[in-house]
């Protein structure tokens, strides 16, 4: 009976440690940057690891061509590329923290610790 209490104490200690690491991860993801591109680099979007769009660069040739439709197609594609890369970076960092504990990463993502959906 008391053996179970020792396991519970150990699990509580691990949970506290993971919580601290999750806070560190959240701060790190705010500073991390990923970039997404579309149109062979005609549009580049830089985002933080938390999914915040930091900057957008559009090749001047698109403006010279006055191709609004192409810009409207390329911009969401570049944004989505950056956001996917950010989620992948976040998932890899979360995997490091949880040590690959089955289900823990999914649970943390559901509660918002793993980034934006």
PDB file of N, CA and C in Angstrom:
ATOM      1  N   UNK A   1       0.813  -1.189   0.000  1.00  0.00           N
ATOM      2  CA  UNK A   1       0.000   0.000   0.000  1.00  0.00           C
ATOM      3  C   UNK A   1       0.864   1.264   0.000  1.00  0.00           C
ATOM      4  N   UNK A   2       1.894   1.297   0.835  1.00  0.00           N
ATOM      5  CA  UNK A   2       2.746   2.478   0.911  1.00  0.00           C
ATOM      6  C   UNK A   2       3.666   2.601  -0.301  1.00  0.00           C
ATOM      7  N   UNK A   3       3.887   1.485  -0.980  1.00  0.00           N
ATOM      8  CA  UNK A   3       4.698   1.528  -2.186  1.00  0.00           C
ATOM      9  C   UNK A   3       4.035   2.426  -3.235  1.00  0.00           C
ATOM     10  N   UNK A   4       2.731   2.376  -3.332  1.00  0.00           N
ATOM     11  CA  UNK A   4       1.988   3.206  -4.272  1.00  0.00           C
ATOM     12  C   UNK A   4       2.139   4.676  -3.959  1.00  0.00           C
ATOM     13  N   UNK A   5       2.241   5.022  -2.679  1.00  0.00           N
ATOM     14  CA  UNK A   5       2.424   6.423  -2.294  1.00  0.00           C
ATOM     15  C   UNK A   5       3.768   6.963  -2.775  1.00  0.00           C
ATOM     16  N   UNK A   6       4.783   6.124  -2.737  1.00  0.00           N
ATOM     17  CA  UNK A   6       6.103   6.522  -3.230  1.00  0.00           C
ATOM     18  C   UNK A   6       6.056   6.812  -4.717  1.00  0.00           C
ATOM     19  N   UNK A   7       5.356   5.967  -5.470  1.00  0.00           N
ATOM     20  CA  UNK A   7       5.207   6.188  -6.910  1.00  0.00           C
ATOM     21  C   UNK A   7       4.441   7.478  -7.180  1.00  0.00           C
ATOM     22  N   UNK A   8       3.414   7.729  -6.372  1.00  0.00           N
ATOM     23  CA  UNK A   8       2.627   8.945  -6.533  1.00  0.00           C
ATOM     24  C   UNK A   8       3.490  10.186  -6.277  1.00  0.00           C
ATOM     25  N   UNK A   9       4.294  10.133  -5.248  1.00  0.00           N
ATOM     26  CA  UNK A   9       5.183  11.255  -4.931  1.00  0.00           C
ATOM     27  C   UNK A   9       6.173  11.489  -6.074  1.00  0.00           C
ATOM     28  N   UNK A  10       6.687  10.404  -6.626  1.00  0.00           N
ATOM     29  CA  UNK A  10       7.625  10.513  -7.739  1.00  0.00           C
ATOM     30  C   UNK A  10       6.940  11.134  -8.957  1.00  0.00           C
ATOM     31  N   UNK A  11       5.709  10.708  -9.227  1.00  0.00           N
ATOM     32  CA  UNK A  11       4.965  11.258 -10.364  1.00  0.00           C
ATOM     33  C   UNK A  11       4.677  12.739 -10.155  1.00  0.00           C
ATOM     34  N   UNK A  12       4.341  13.132  -8.932  1.00  0.00           N
ATOM     35  CA  UNK A  12       4.073  14.540  -8.630  1.00  0.00           C
ATOM     36  C   UNK A  12       5.330  15.378  -8.834  1.00  0.00           C
ATOM     37  N   UNK A  13       6.458  14.833  -8.428  1.00  0.00           N
ATOM     38  CA  UNK A  13       7.732  15.534  -8.599  1.00  0.00           C
ATOM     39  C   UNK A  13       8.045  15.708 -10.088  1.00  0.00           C
ATOM     40  N   UNK A  14       7.817  14.653 -10.870  1.00  0.00           N
ATOM     41  CA  UNK A  14       8.050  14.726 -12.311  1.00  0.00           C
ATOM     42  C   UNK A  14       7.122  15.757 -12.952  1.00  0.00           C
ATOM     43  N   UNK A  15       5.869  15.767 -12.522  1.00  0.00           N
ATOM     44  CA  UNK A  15       4.902  16.714 -13.078  1.00  0.00           C
ATOM     45  C   UNK A  15       5.328  18.151 -12.790  1.00  0.00           C
ATOM     46  N   UNK A  16       5.809  18.410 -11.595  1.00  0.00           N
ATOM     47  CA  UNK A  16       6.269  19.754 -11.238  1.00  0.00           C
ATOM     48  C   UNK A  16       7.463  20.148 -12.107  1.00  0.00           C
ATOM     49  N   UNK A  17       8.376  19.213 -12.315  1.00  0.00           N
ATOM     50  CA  UNK A  17       9.547  19.461 -13.151  1.00  0.00           C
ATOM     51  C   UNK A  17       9.130  19.746 -14.592  1.00  0.00           C
ATOM     52  N   UNK A  18       8.187  18.953 -15.103  1.00  0.00           N
ATOM     53  CA  UNK A  18       7.707  19.161 -16.471  1.00  0.00           C
ATOM     54  C   UNK A  18       7.014  20.507 -16.584  1.00  0.00           C
ATOM     55  N   UNK A  19       6.239  20.903 -15.571  1.00  0.00           N
ATOM     56  CA  UNK A  19       5.571  22.207 -15.587  1.00  0.00           C
ATOM     57  C   UNK A  19       6.567  23.339 -15.709  1.00  0.00           C
ATOM     58  N   UNK A  20       7.653  23.246 -14.975  1.00  0.00           N
ATOM     59  CA  UNK A  20       8.702  24.265 -15.046  1.00  0.00           C
ATOM     60  C   UNK A  20       9.327  24.292 -16.437  1.00  0.00           C
ATOM     61  N   UNK A  21       9.578  23.114 -16.979  1.00  0.00           N
ATOM     62  CA  UNK A  21      10.162  23.039 -18.318  1.00  0.00           C
ATOM     63  C   UNK A  21       9.189  23.565 -19.374  1.00  0.00           C
ATOM     64  N   UNK A  22       7.896  23.361 -19.155  1.00  0.00           N
ATOM     65  CA  UNK A  22       6.897  23.863 -20.106  1.00  0.00           C
ATOM     66  C   UNK A  22       6.914  25.389 -20.142  1.00  0.00           C
ATOM     67  N   UNK A  23       7.085  26.016 -18.986  1.00  0.00           N
ATOM     68  CA  UNK A  23       7.189  27.479 -18.943  1.00  0.00           C
ATOM     69  C   UNK A  23       8.415  27.959 -19.702  1.00  0.00           C
ATOM     70  N   UNK A  24       9.532  27.243 -19.517  1.00  0.00           N
ATOM     71  CA  UNK A  24      10.757  27.588 -20.245  1.00  0.00           C
ATOM     72  C   UNK A  24      10.546  27.414 -21.750  1.00  0.00           C
ATOM     73  N   UNK A  25       9.851  26.331 -22.123  1.00  0.00           N
ATOM     74  CA  UNK A  25       9.581  26.071 -23.538  1.00  0.00           C
ATOM     75  C   UNK A  25       8.735  27.196 -24.134  1.00  0.00           C
ATOM     76  N   UNK A  26       7.719  27.626 -23.422  1.00  0.00           N
ATOM     77  CA  UNK A  26       6.847  28.693 -23.918  1.00  0.00           C
ATOM     78  C   UNK A  26       7.655  29.966 -24.180  1.00  0.00           C
ATOM     79  N   UNK A  27       8.555  30.306 -23.279  1.00  0.00           N
ATOM     80  CA  UNK A  27       9.396  31.494 -23.468  1.00  0.00           C
ATOM     81  C   UNK A  27      10.340  31.313 -24.652  1.00  0.00           C
ATOM     82  N   UNK A  28      10.906  30.109 -24.775  1.00  0.00           N
ATOM     83  CA  UNK A  28      11.818  29.837 -25.885  1.00  0.00           C
ATOM     84  C   UNK A  28      11.085  29.927 -27.218  1.00  0.00           C
ATOM     85  N   UNK A  29       9.869  29.402 -27.279  1.00  0.00           N
ATOM     86  CA  UNK A  29       9.108  29.419 -28.530  1.00  0.00           C
ATOM     87  C   UNK A  29       8.740  30.836 -28.950  1.00  0.00           C
ATOM     88  N   UNK A  30       8.590  31.746 -27.988  1.00  0.00           N
ATOM     89  CA  UNK A  30       8.340  33.146 -28.331  1.00  0.00           C
ATOM     90  C   UNK A  30       9.529  33.750 -29.063  1.00  0.00           C
ATOM     91  N   UNK A  31      10.737  33.279 -28.713  1.00  0.00           N
ATOM     92  CA  UNK A  31      11.959  33.823 -29.314  1.00  0.00           C
ATOM     93  C   UNK A  31      12.369  33.118 -30.604  1.00  0.00           C
ATOM     94  N   UNK A  32      11.983  31.849 -30.749  1.00  0.00           N
ATOM     95  CA  UNK A  32      12.372  31.068 -31.926  1.00  0.00           C
ATOM     96  C   UNK A  32      11.688  31.614 -33.178  1.00  0.00           C
ATOM     97  N   UNK A  33      12.332  31.448 -34.320  1.00  0.00           N
ATOM     98  CA  UNK A  33      11.788  31.918 -35.591  1.00  0.00           C
ATOM     99  C   UNK A  33      11.837  30.792 -36.614  1.00  0.00           C
ATOM    100  N   UNK A  34      10.788  30.720 -37.424  1.00  0.00           N
ATOM    101  CA  UNK A  34      10.736  29.816 -38.574  1.00  0.00           C
ATOM    102  C   UNK A  34      10.293  30.648 -39.759  1.00  0.00           C
ATOM    103  N   UNK A  35      10.675  30.207 -40.947  1.00  0.00           N
ATOM    104  CA  UNK A  35      10.208  30.939 -42.125  1.00  0.00           C
ATOM    105  C   UNK A  35       9.560  29.963 -43.092  1.00  0.00           C
ATOM    106  N   UNK A  36       8.519  30.458 -43.725  1.00  0.00           N
ATOM    107  CA  UNK A  36       7.813  29.695 -44.736  1.00  0.00           C
ATOM    108  C   UNK A  36       7.874  30.453 -46.041  1.00  0.00           C
ATOM    109  N   UNK A  37       7.867  29.699 -47.128  1.00  0.00           N
ATOM    110  CA  UNK A  37       7.955  30.331 -48.440  1.00  0.00           C
ATOM    111  C   UNK A  37       6.919  29.749 -49.383  1.00  0.00           C
ATOM    112  N   UNK A  38       6.626  30.514 -50.404  1.00  0.00           N
ATOM    113  CA  UNK A  38       5.796  30.022 -51.501  1.00  0.00           C
ATOM    114  C   UNK A  38       6.245  30.695 -52.776  1.00  0.00           C
ATOM    115  N   UNK A  39       5.827  30.109 -53.883  1.00  0.00           N
ATOM    116  CA  UNK A  39       6.196  30.687 -55.176  1.00  0.00           C
ATOM    117  C   UNK A  39       7.688  30.671 -55.420  1.00  0.00           C
ATOM    118  N   UNK A  40       8.365  29.638 -54.924  1.00  0.00           N
ATOM    119  CA  UNK A  40       9.811  29.560 -55.124  1.00  0.00           C
ATOM    120  C   UNK A  40      10.566  30.681 -54.444  1.00  0.00           C
ATOM    121  N   UNK A  41      10.025  31.171 -53.333  1.00  0.00           N
ATOM    122  CA  UNK A  41      10.691  32.233 -52.591  1.00  0.00           C
ATOM    123  C   UNK A  41      10.190  33.628 -52.908  1.00  0.00           C
ATOM    124  N   UNK A  42       9.154  33.728 -53.742  1.00  0.00           N
ATOM    125  CA  UNK A  42       8.609  35.048 -54.045  1.00  0.00           C
ATOM    126  C   UNK A  42       7.952  35.681 -52.821  1.00  0.00           C
ATOM    127  N   UNK A  43       7.425  34.824 -51.941  1.00  0.00           N
ATOM    128  CA  UNK A  43       6.833  35.304 -50.695  1.00  0.00           C
ATOM    129  C   UNK A  43       7.466  34.529 -49.549  1.00  0.00           C
ATOM    130  N   UNK A  44       7.964  35.246 -48.555  1.00  0.00           N
ATOM    131  CA  UNK A  44       8.558  34.640 -47.363  1.00  0.00           C
ATOM    132  C   UNK A  44       7.885  35.222 -46.139  1.00  0.00           C
ATOM    133  N   UNK A  45       7.490  34.340 -45.230  1.00  0.00           N
ATOM    134  CA  UNK A  45       6.850  34.753 -43.985  1.00  0.00           C
ATOM    135  C   UNK A  45       7.676  34.221 -42.827  1.00  0.00           C
ATOM    136  N   UNK A  46       7.963  35.070 -41.856  1.00  0.00           N
ATOM    137  CA  UNK A  46       8.683  34.671 -40.654  1.00  0.00           C
ATOM    138  C   UNK A  46       7.685  34.678 -39.500  1.00  0.00           C
ATOM    139  N   UNK A  47       7.682  33.572 -38.737  1.00  0.00           N
ATOM    140  CA  UNK A  47       6.775  33.435 -37.600  1.00  0.00           C
ATOM    141  C   UNK A  47       7.564  33.005 -36.376  1.00  0.00           C
ATOM    142  N   UNK A  48       7.005  33.285 -35.208  1.00  0.00           N
ATOM    143  CA  UNK A  48       7.607  32.796 -33.969  1.00  0.00           C
ATOM    144  C   UNK A  48       7.188  31.349 -33.764  1.00  0.00           C
ATOM    145  N   UNK A  49       7.811  30.695 -32.819  1.00  0.00           N
ATOM    146  CA  UNK A  49       7.447  29.323 -32.484  1.00  0.00           C
ATOM    147  C   UNK A  49       6.072  29.214 -31.859  1.00  0.00           C
ATOM    148  N   UNK A  50       5.484  30.348 -31.490  1.00  0.00           N
ATOM    149  CA  UNK A  50       4.135  30.343 -30.927  1.00  0.00           C
ATOM    150  C   UNK A  50       3.081  30.659 -31.983  1.00  0.00           C
ATOM    151  N   UNK A  51       3.508  30.855 -33.229  1.00  0.00           N
ATOM    152  CA  UNK A  51       2.570  31.087 -34.312  1.00  0.00           C
ATOM    153  C   UNK A  51       2.283  32.540 -34.610  1.00  0.00           C
ATOM    154  N   UNK A  52       3.017  33.434 -33.997  1.00  0.00           N
ATOM    155  CA  UNK A  52       2.836  34.859 -34.279  1.00  0.00           C
ATOM    156  C   UNK A  52       3.614  35.216 -35.544  1.00  0.00           C
ATOM    157  N   UNK A  53       2.942  35.867 -36.501  1.00  0.00           N
ATOM    158  CA  UNK A  53       3.606  36.281 -37.731  1.00  0.00           C
ATOM    159  C   UNK A  53       4.463  37.504 -37.413  1.00  0.00           C
ATOM    160  N   UNK A  54       5.756  37.401 -37.712  1.00  0.00           N
ATOM    161  CA  UNK A  54       6.718  38.459 -37.390  1.00  0.00           C
ATOM    162  C   UNK A  54       6.917  39.392 -38.577  1.00  0.00           C
ATOM    163  N   UNK A  55       7.080  38.806 -39.779  1.00  0.00           N
ATOM    164  CA  UNK A  55       7.302  39.643 -40.950  1.00  0.00           C
ATOM    165  C   UNK A  55       6.860  38.916 -42.217  1.00  0.00           C
ATOM    166  N   UNK A  56       6.613  39.720 -43.242  1.00  0.00           N
ATOM    167  CA  UNK A  56       6.243  39.218 -44.565  1.00  0.00           C
ATOM    168  C   UNK A  56       7.111  39.937 -45.580  1.00  0.00           C
ATOM    169  N   UNK A  57       7.720  39.163 -46.457  1.00  0.00           N
ATOM    170  CA  UNK A  57       8.518  39.751 -47.540  1.00  0.00           C
ATOM    171  C   UNK A  57       7.937  39.277 -48.866  1.00  0.00           C
ATOM    172  N   UNK A  58       7.619  40.219 -49.734  1.00  0.00           N
ATOM    173  CA  UNK A  58       7.070  39.914 -51.050  1.00  0.00           C
ATOM    174  C   UNK A  58       8.041  40.443 -52.092  1.00  0.00           C
ATOM    175  N   UNK A  59       8.436  39.577 -52.991  1.00  0.00           N
ATOM    176  CA  UNK A  59       9.377  39.972 -54.041  1.00  0.00           C
ATOM    177  C   UNK A  59       8.783  41.142 -54.837  1.00  0.00           C
ATOM    178  N   UNK A  60       9.566  42.200 -55.033  1.00  0.00           N
ATOM    179  CA  UNK A  60       9.070  43.386 -55.748  1.00  0.00           C
ATOM    180  C   UNK A  60       8.548  43.086 -57.147  1.00  0.00           C
ATOM    181  N   UNK A  61       9.021  42.009 -57.761  1.00  0.00           N
ATOM    182  CA  UNK A  61       8.565  41.692 -59.122  1.00  0.00           C
ATOM    183  C   UNK A  61       7.059  41.415 -59.155  1.00  0.00           C
ATOM    184  N   UNK A  62       6.510  40.915 -58.052  1.00  0.00           N
ATOM    185  CA  UNK A  62       5.065  40.681 -58.005  1.00  0.00           C
ATOM    186  C   UNK A  62       4.293  41.991 -58.051  1.00  0.00           C
ATOM    187  N   UNK A  63       4.847  43.025 -57.459  1.00  0.00           N
ATOM    188  CA  UNK A  63       4.192  44.336 -57.498  1.00  0.00           C
ATOM    189  C   UNK A  63       4.326  44.970 -58.884  1.00  0.00           C
ATOM    190  N   UNK A  64       5.488  44.759 -59.485  1.00  0.00           N
ATOM    191  CA  UNK A  64       5.714  45.311 -60.819  1.00  0.00           C
ATOM    192  C   UNK A  64       4.761  44.680 -61.832  1.00  0.00           C
ATOM    193  N   UNK A  65       4.468  43.395 -61.627  1.00  0.00           N
ATOM    194  CA  UNK A  65       3.540  42.696 -62.518  1.00  0.00           C
ATOM    195  C   UNK A  65       2.085  43.030 -62.176  1.00  0.00           C
ATOM    196  N   UNK A  66       1.907  43.686 -61.044  1.00  0.00           N
ATOM    197  CA  UNK A  66       0.580  44.028 -60.540  1.00  0.00           C
ATOM    198  C   UNK A  66      -0.325  42.799 -60.538  1.00  0.00           C
ATOM    199  N   UNK A  67       0.235  41.696 -60.013  1.00  0.00           N
ATOM    200  CA  UNK A  67      -0.480  40.424 -59.997  1.00  0.00           C
ATOM    201  C   UNK A  67      -1.086  40.187 -58.620  1.00  0.00           C
ATOM    202  N   UNK A  68      -2.155  40.887 -58.337  1.00  0.00           N
ATOM    203  CA  UNK A  68      -2.810  40.802 -57.036  1.00  0.00           C
ATOM    204  C   UNK A  68      -3.286  39.376 -56.751  1.00  0.00           C
ATOM    205  N   UNK A  69      -3.822  38.711 -57.739  1.00  0.00           N
ATOM    206  CA  UNK A  69      -4.340  37.352 -57.540  1.00  0.00           C
ATOM    207  C   UNK A  69      -3.219  36.395 -57.120  1.00  0.00           C
ATOM    208  N   UNK A  70      -2.064  36.527 -57.750  1.00  0.00           N
ATOM    209  CA  UNK A  70      -0.943  35.657 -57.393  1.00  0.00           C
ATOM    210  C   UNK A  70      -0.486  35.937 -55.966  1.00  0.00           C
ATOM    211  N   UNK A  71      -0.390  37.204 -55.590  1.00  0.00           N
ATOM    212  CA  UNK A  71       0.000  37.558 -54.226  1.00  0.00           C
ATOM    213  C   UNK A  71      -1.013  36.976 -53.234  1.00  0.00           C
ATOM    214  N   UNK A  72      -2.293  37.078 -53.562  1.00  0.00           N
ATOM    215  CA  UNK A  72      -3.325  36.558 -52.672  1.00  0.00           C
ATOM    216  C   UNK A  72      -3.251  35.037 -52.543  1.00  0.00           C
ATOM    217  N   UNK A  73      -2.750  34.361 -53.557  1.00  0.00           N
ATOM    218  CA  UNK A  73      -2.573  32.910 -53.486  1.00  0.00           C
ATOM    219  C   UNK A  73      -1.298  32.533 -52.732  1.00  0.00           C
ATOM    220  N   UNK A  74      -0.230  33.276 -52.985  1.00  0.00           N
ATOM    221  CA  UNK A  74       1.070  32.931 -52.402  1.00  0.00           C
ATOM    222  C   UNK A  74       1.169  33.267 -50.919  1.00  0.00           C
ATOM    223  N   UNK A  75       0.532  34.336 -50.502  1.00  0.00           N
ATOM    224  CA  UNK A  75       0.651  34.771 -49.111  1.00  0.00           C
ATOM    225  C   UNK A  75       0.112  33.732 -48.120  1.00  0.00           C
ATOM    226  N   UNK A  76      -1.111  33.227 -48.275  1.00  0.00           N
ATOM    227  CA  UNK A  76      -1.583  32.203 -47.333  1.00  0.00           C
ATOM    228  C   UNK A  76      -0.732  30.933 -47.376  1.00  0.00           C
ATOM    229  N   UNK A  77      -0.232  30.574 -48.559  1.00  0.00           N
ATOM    230  CA  UNK A  77       0.607  29.383 -48.667  1.00  0.00           C
ATOM    231  C   UNK A  77       1.892  29.553 -47.853  1.00  0.00           C
ATOM    232  N   UNK A  78       2.504  30.729 -47.939  1.00  0.00           N
ATOM    233  CA  UNK A  78       3.733  30.993 -47.178  1.00  0.00           C
ATOM    234  C   UNK A  78       3.441  31.035 -45.678  1.00  0.00           C
ATOM    235  N   UNK A  79       2.327  31.644 -45.298  1.00  0.00           N
ATOM    236  CA  UNK A  79       1.950  31.698 -43.876  1.00  0.00           C
ATOM    237  C   UNK A  79       1.742  30.287 -43.347  1.00  0.00           C
ATOM    238  N   UNK A  80       0.993  29.487 -44.079  1.00  0.00           N
ATOM    239  CA  UNK A  80       0.738  28.113 -43.636  1.00  0.00           C
ATOM    240  C   UNK A  80       2.013  27.302 -43.548  1.00  0.00           C
ATOM    241  N   UNK A  81       2.945  27.510 -44.473  1.00  0.00           N
ATOM    242  CA  UNK A  81       4.229  26.817 -44.437  1.00  0.00           C
ATOM    243  C   UNK A  81       4.987  27.181 -43.153  1.00  0.00           C
ATOM    244  N   UNK A  82       5.006  28.461 -42.822  1.00  0.00           N
ATOM    245  CA  UNK A  82       5.691  28.904 -41.594  1.00  0.00           C
ATOM    246  C   UNK A  82       5.013  28.326 -40.356  1.00  0.00           C
ATOM    247  N   UNK A  83       3.687  28.315 -40.328  1.00  0.00           N
ATOM    248  CA  UNK A  83       2.971  27.804 -39.161  1.00  0.00           C
ATOM    249  C   UNK A  83       3.176  26.305 -38.980  1.00  0.00           C
ATOM    250  N   UNK A  84       3.204  25.561 -40.075  1.00  0.00           N
ATOM    251  CA  UNK A  84       3.472  24.120 -39.985  1.00  0.00           C
ATOM    252  C   UNK A  84       4.869  23.882 -39.420  1.00  0.00           C
ATOM    253  N   UNK A  85       5.837  24.640 -39.910  1.00  0.00           N
ATOM    254  CA  UNK A  85       7.207  24.497 -39.401  1.00  0.00           C
ATOM    255  C   UNK A  85       7.275  24.844 -37.914  1.00  0.00           C
ATOM    256  N   UNK A  86       6.533  25.860 -37.511  1.00  0.00           N
ATOM    257  CA  UNK A  86       6.500  26.230 -36.092  1.00  0.00           C
ATOM    258  C   UNK A  86       5.903  25.134 -35.236  1.00  0.00           C
ATOM    259  N   UNK A  87       4.817  24.522 -35.712  1.00  0.00           N
ATOM    260  CA  UNK A  87       4.199  23.413 -34.964  1.00  0.00           C
ATOM    261  C   UNK A  87       5.157  22.232 -34.856  1.00  0.00           C
ATOM    262  N   UNK A  88       5.863  21.944 -35.946  1.00  0.00           N
ATOM    263  CA  UNK A  88       6.825  20.840 -35.929  1.00  0.00           C
ATOM    264  C   UNK A  88       7.956  21.123 -34.942  1.00  0.00           C
ATOM    265  N   UNK A  89       8.441  22.356 -34.927  1.00  0.00           N
ATOM    266  CA  UNK A  89       9.495  22.737 -33.989  1.00  0.00           C
ATOM    267  C   UNK A  89       8.991  22.605 -32.559  1.00  0.00           C
ATOM    268  N   UNK A  90       7.766  23.052 -32.331  1.00  0.00           N
ATOM    269  CA  UNK A  90       7.155  22.980 -31.017  1.00  0.00           C
ATOM    270  C   UNK A  90       7.000  21.526 -30.575  1.00  0.00           C
ATOM    271  N   UNK A  91       6.534  20.662 -31.476  1.00  0.00           N
ATOM    272  CA  UNK A  91       6.336  19.249 -31.154  1.00  0.00           C
ATOM    273  C   UNK A  91       7.663  18.574 -30.811  1.00  0.00           C
ATOM    274  N   UNK A  92       8.714  18.916 -31.550  1.00  0.00           N
ATOM    275  CA  UNK A  92      10.028  18.335 -31.266  1.00  0.00           C
ATOM    276  C   UNK A  92      10.536  18.776 -29.895  1.00  0.00           C
ATOM    277  N   UNK A  93      10.349  20.046 -29.569  1.00  0.00           N
ATOM    278  CA  UNK A  93      10.780  20.554 -28.267  1.00  0.00           C
ATOM    279  C   UNK A  93       9.967  19.904 -27.154  1.00  0.00           C
ATOM    280  N   UNK A  94       8.680  19.722 -27.376  1.00  0.00           N
ATOM    281  CA  UNK A  94       7.820  19.082 -26.385  1.00  0.00           C
ATOM    282  C   UNK A  94       8.225  17.631 -26.177  1.00  0.00           C
ATOM    283  N   UNK A  95       8.610  16.972 -27.250  1.00  0.00           N
ATOM    284  CA  UNK A  95       9.079  15.583 -27.170  1.00  0.00           C
ATOM    285  C   UNK A  95      10.323  15.494 -26.286  1.00  0.00           C
ATOM    286  N   UNK A  96      11.211  16.488 -26.420  1.00  0.00           N
ATOM    287  CA  UNK A  96      12.416  16.523 -25.578  1.00  0.00           C
ATOM    288  C   UNK A  96      12.044  16.640 -24.103  1.00  0.00           C
ATOM    289  N   UNK A  97      11.106  17.525 -23.811  1.00  0.00           N
ATOM    290  CA  UNK A  97      10.726  17.781 -22.424  1.00  0.00           C
ATOM    291  C   UNK A  97      10.044  16.573 -21.792  1.00  0.00           C
ATOM    292  N   UNK A  98       9.138  15.960 -22.524  1.00  0.00           N
ATOM    293  CA  UNK A  98       8.358  14.857 -21.963  1.00  0.00           C
ATOM    294  C   UNK A  98       9.106  13.543 -22.037  1.00  0.00           C
ATOM    295  N   UNK A  99      10.232  13.530 -22.721  1.00  0.00           N
ATOM    296  CA  UNK A  99      11.008  12.310 -22.830  1.00  0.00           C
ATOM    297  C   UNK A  99      10.271  11.212 -23.578  1.00  0.00           C
ATOM    298  N   UNK A 100       9.357  11.622 -24.430  1.00  0.00           N
ATOM    299  CA  UNK A 100       8.623  10.636 -25.206  1.00  0.00           C
ATOM    300  C   UNK A 100       7.586   9.876 -24.413  1.00  0.00           C
ATOM    301  N   UNK A 101       7.167  10.424 -23.256  1.00  0.00           N
ATOM    302  CA  UNK A 101       6.156   9.743 -22.450  1.00  0.00           C
ATOM    303  C   UNK A 101       4.872   9.661 -23.266  1.00  0.00           C
ATOM    304  N   UNK A 102       4.384   8.453 -23.533  1.00  0.00           N
ATOM    305  CA  UNK A 102       3.205   8.294 -24.401  1.00  0.00           C
ATOM    306  C   UNK A 102       2.005   9.096 -23.899  1.00  0.00           C
ATOM    307  N   UNK A 103       1.428   9.863 -24.816  1.00  0.00           N
ATOM    308  CA  UNK A 103       0.206  10.594 -24.499  1.00  0.00           C
ATOM    309  C   UNK A 103       0.423  11.919 -23.794  1.00  0.00           C
ATOM    310  N   UNK A 104       1.560  12.121 -23.156  1.00  0.00           N
ATOM    311  CA  UNK A 104       1.765  13.352 -22.390  1.00  0.00           C
ATOM    312  C   UNK A 104       1.848  14.559 -23.319  1.00  0.00           C
ATOM    313  N   UNK A 105       2.557  14.410 -24.437  1.00  0.00           N
ATOM    314  CA  UNK A 105       2.661  15.518 -25.377  1.00  0.00           C
ATOM    315  C   UNK A 105       1.308  15.913 -25.934  1.00  0.00           C
ATOM    316  N   UNK A 106       0.481  14.928 -26.280  1.00  0.00           N
ATOM    317  CA  UNK A 106      -0.870  15.218 -26.781  1.00  0.00           C
ATOM    318  C   UNK A 106      -1.693  15.921 -25.718  1.00  0.00           C
ATOM    319  N   UNK A 107      -1.577  15.456 -24.489  1.00  0.00           N
ATOM    320  CA  UNK A 107      -2.331  16.066 -23.396  1.00  0.00           C
ATOM    321  C   UNK A 107      -1.901  17.516 -23.193  1.00  0.00           C
ATOM    322  N   UNK A 108      -0.596  17.783 -23.247  1.00  0.00           N
ATOM    323  CA  UNK A 108      -0.095  19.136 -23.051  1.00  0.00           C
ATOM    324  C   UNK A 108      -0.564  20.037 -24.194  1.00  0.00           C
ATOM    325  N   UNK A 109      -0.585  19.513 -25.423  1.00  0.00           N
ATOM    326  CA  UNK A 109      -1.067  20.296 -26.557  1.00  0.00           C
ATOM    327  C   UNK A 109      -2.531  20.672 -26.387  1.00  0.00           C
ATOM    328  N   UNK A 110      -3.338  19.751 -25.880  1.00  0.00           N
ATOM    329  CA  UNK A 110      -4.757  20.028 -25.684  1.00  0.00           C
ATOM    330  C   UNK A 110      -4.973  21.152 -24.685  1.00  0.00           C
ATOM    331  N   UNK A 111      -4.080  21.269 -23.729  1.00  0.00           N
ATOM    332  CA  UNK A 111      -4.225  22.306 -22.710  1.00  0.00           C
ATOM    333  C   UNK A 111      -3.466  23.571 -23.068  1.00  0.00           C
ATOM    334  N   UNK A 112      -2.977  23.650 -24.314  1.00  0.00           N
ATOM    335  CA  UNK A 112      -2.373  24.888 -24.806  1.00  0.00           C
ATOM    336  C   UNK A 112      -0.901  25.034 -24.517  1.00  0.00           C
ATOM    337  N   UNK A 113      -0.258  24.030 -23.941  1.00  0.00           N
ATOM    338  CA  UNK A 113       1.148  24.163 -23.610  1.00  0.00           C
ATOM    339  C   UNK A 113       2.038  23.932 -24.806  1.00  0.00           C
ATOM    340  N   UNK A 114       1.505  23.357 -25.858  1.00  0.00           N
ATOM    341  CA  UNK A 114       2.333  23.016 -26.997  1.00  0.00           C
ATOM    342  C   UNK A 114       2.225  23.976 -28.155  1.00  0.00           C
ATOM    343  N   UNK A 115       1.576  25.097 -27.995  1.00  0.00           N
ATOM    344  CA  UNK A 115       1.505  26.061 -29.073  1.00  0.00           C
ATOM    345  C   UNK A 115       0.079  26.269 -29.548  1.00  0.00           C
ATOM    346  N   UNK A 116      -0.073  27.012 -30.619  1.00  0.00           N
ATOM    347  CA  UNK A 116      -1.384  27.352 -31.158  1.00  0.00           C
ATOM    348  C   UNK A 116      -1.845  26.312 -32.149  1.00  0.00           C
ATOM    349  N   UNK A 117      -3.125  26.117 -32.218  1.00  0.00           N
ATOM    350  CA  UNK A 117      -3.731  25.243 -33.228  1.00  0.00           C
ATOM    351  C   UNK A 117      -4.526  26.071 -34.167  1.00  0.00           C
TER     352      UNK A 117
END
